[in-house]
Amino acid sequence: MPNRDDRILVLDSGLGGLSVLRTLMRNLPEENYIYHGDSKNVPYGEKTKEQIVSLVVPTIRHFVENYSIKACVIGCNTISV
């Protein structure tokens, strides 16, 4: 059963995903969101697939284990590819 505190995680490598978050908030205003922009490791475009996976998987795992996450939206083209 969905929990009122369930959140949608928006994951990005920096700040570009803020436009994705804004669109989500406009279209799904009743939802709760967590935005994570990995400005420490930006840019992702210069990293190998293995490096990106080693950054993204633990991040998602952290949020899933510590917050009530019902969905993860990738706001970064590099991560998506």
Protein backbone atom coordinates (compact mmCIF):
# COMPACT_ATOMS: atom_id res chain seq x y z
CA MET A 1 0.00 0.00 0.00
CA PRO A 2 1.42 3.43 -0.92
CA ASN A 3 2.65 5.50 1.97
CA ARG A 4 1.95 9.21 2.17
CA ASP A 5 5.64 9.76 2.85
CA ASP A 6 6.82 7.84 -0.23
CA ARG A 7 9.10 9.97 -2.36
CA ILE A 8 10.24 10.19 -5.94
CA LEU A 9 14.01 10.43 -6.22
CA VAL A 10 15.29 12.66 -9.02
CA LEU A 11 18.93 11.85 -9.73
CA ASP A 12 21.29 14.03 -11.73
CA SER A 13 25.01 14.58 -12.16
CA GLY A 14 24.74 18.28 -11.42
CA LEU A 15 22.03 20.89 -11.79
CA GLY A 16 20.53 20.16 -15.23
CA GLY A 17 17.96 17.80 -13.73
CA LEU A 18 16.31 20.70 -11.93
CA SER A 19 14.24 21.28 -15.09
CA VAL A 20 13.10 17.65 -14.85
CA LEU A 21 12.19 18.18 -11.19
CA ARG A 22 10.27 21.37 -12.02
CA THR A 23 8.27 19.53 -14.68
CA LEU A 24 7.48 16.68 -12.30
CA MET A 25 6.39 19.09 -9.58
CA ARG A 26 4.16 20.98 -12.00
CA ASN A 27 2.53 17.78 -13.31
CA LEU A 28 2.47 15.80 -10.05
CA PRO A 29 2.20 18.45 -7.32
CA GLU A 30 0.84 16.03 -4.72
CA GLU A 31 4.04 13.96 -4.75
CA ASN A 32 7.04 14.28 -2.44
CA TYR A 33 10.47 14.59 -4.04
CA ILE A 34 14.13 14.23 -3.21
CA TYR A 35 16.58 15.80 -5.63
CA HIS A 36 20.18 14.60 -5.68
CA GLY A 37 22.65 16.44 -7.89
CA ASP A 38 26.14 14.94 -7.70
CA SER A 39 28.08 18.18 -8.10
CA LYS A 40 31.09 16.55 -6.40
CA ASN A 41 31.70 14.20 -9.35
CA VAL A 42 30.42 16.30 -12.25
CA PRO A 43 30.89 16.09 -15.24
CA TYR A 44 29.74 12.54 -15.87
CA GLY A 45 30.24 12.86 -19.64
CA GLU A 46 33.99 12.37 -19.25
CA LYS A 47 33.62 9.19 -17.17
CA THR A 48 33.57 5.56 -18.28
CA LYS A 49 30.47 3.41 -17.97
CA GLU A 50 32.08 1.62 -15.03
CA GLN A 51 32.81 4.89 -13.22
CA ILE A 52 29.25 6.11 -13.70
CA VAL A 53 27.79 2.82 -12.44
CA SER A 54 30.10 2.95 -9.41
CA LEU A 55 28.76 6.42 -8.57
CA VAL A 56 25.07 5.94 -9.37
CA VAL A 57 24.29 2.47 -7.95
CA PRO A 58 25.47 3.24 -4.39
CA THR A 59 23.66 6.57 -4.47
CA ILE A 60 20.36 4.98 -5.44
CA ARG A 61 20.92 2.21 -2.90
CA HIS A 62 21.51 4.82 -0.16
CA PHE A 63 18.23 6.60 -0.88
CA VAL A 64 16.23 3.37 -1.19
CA GLU A 65 17.61 2.07 2.11
CA ASN A 66 17.21 5.34 4.04
CA TYR A 67 14.07 6.91 2.59
CA SER A 68 10.74 5.65 1.38
CA ILE A 69 11.46 5.81 -2.37
CA LYS A 70 8.71 4.71 -4.73
CA ALA A 71 10.37 5.77 -7.99
CA CYS A 72 13.66 7.05 -9.31
CA VAL A 73 13.75 9.50 -12.22
CA ILE A 74 17.08 9.96 -13.97
CA GLY A 75 17.45 13.61 -14.90
CA CYS A 76 20.86 13.13 -16.54
CA ASN A 77 21.33 12.06 -20.14
CA THR A 78 24.76 10.57 -19.42
CA ILE A 79 23.37 8.30 -16.70
CA SER A 80 20.45 7.32 -18.95
CA VAL A 81 22.73 6.30 -21.78
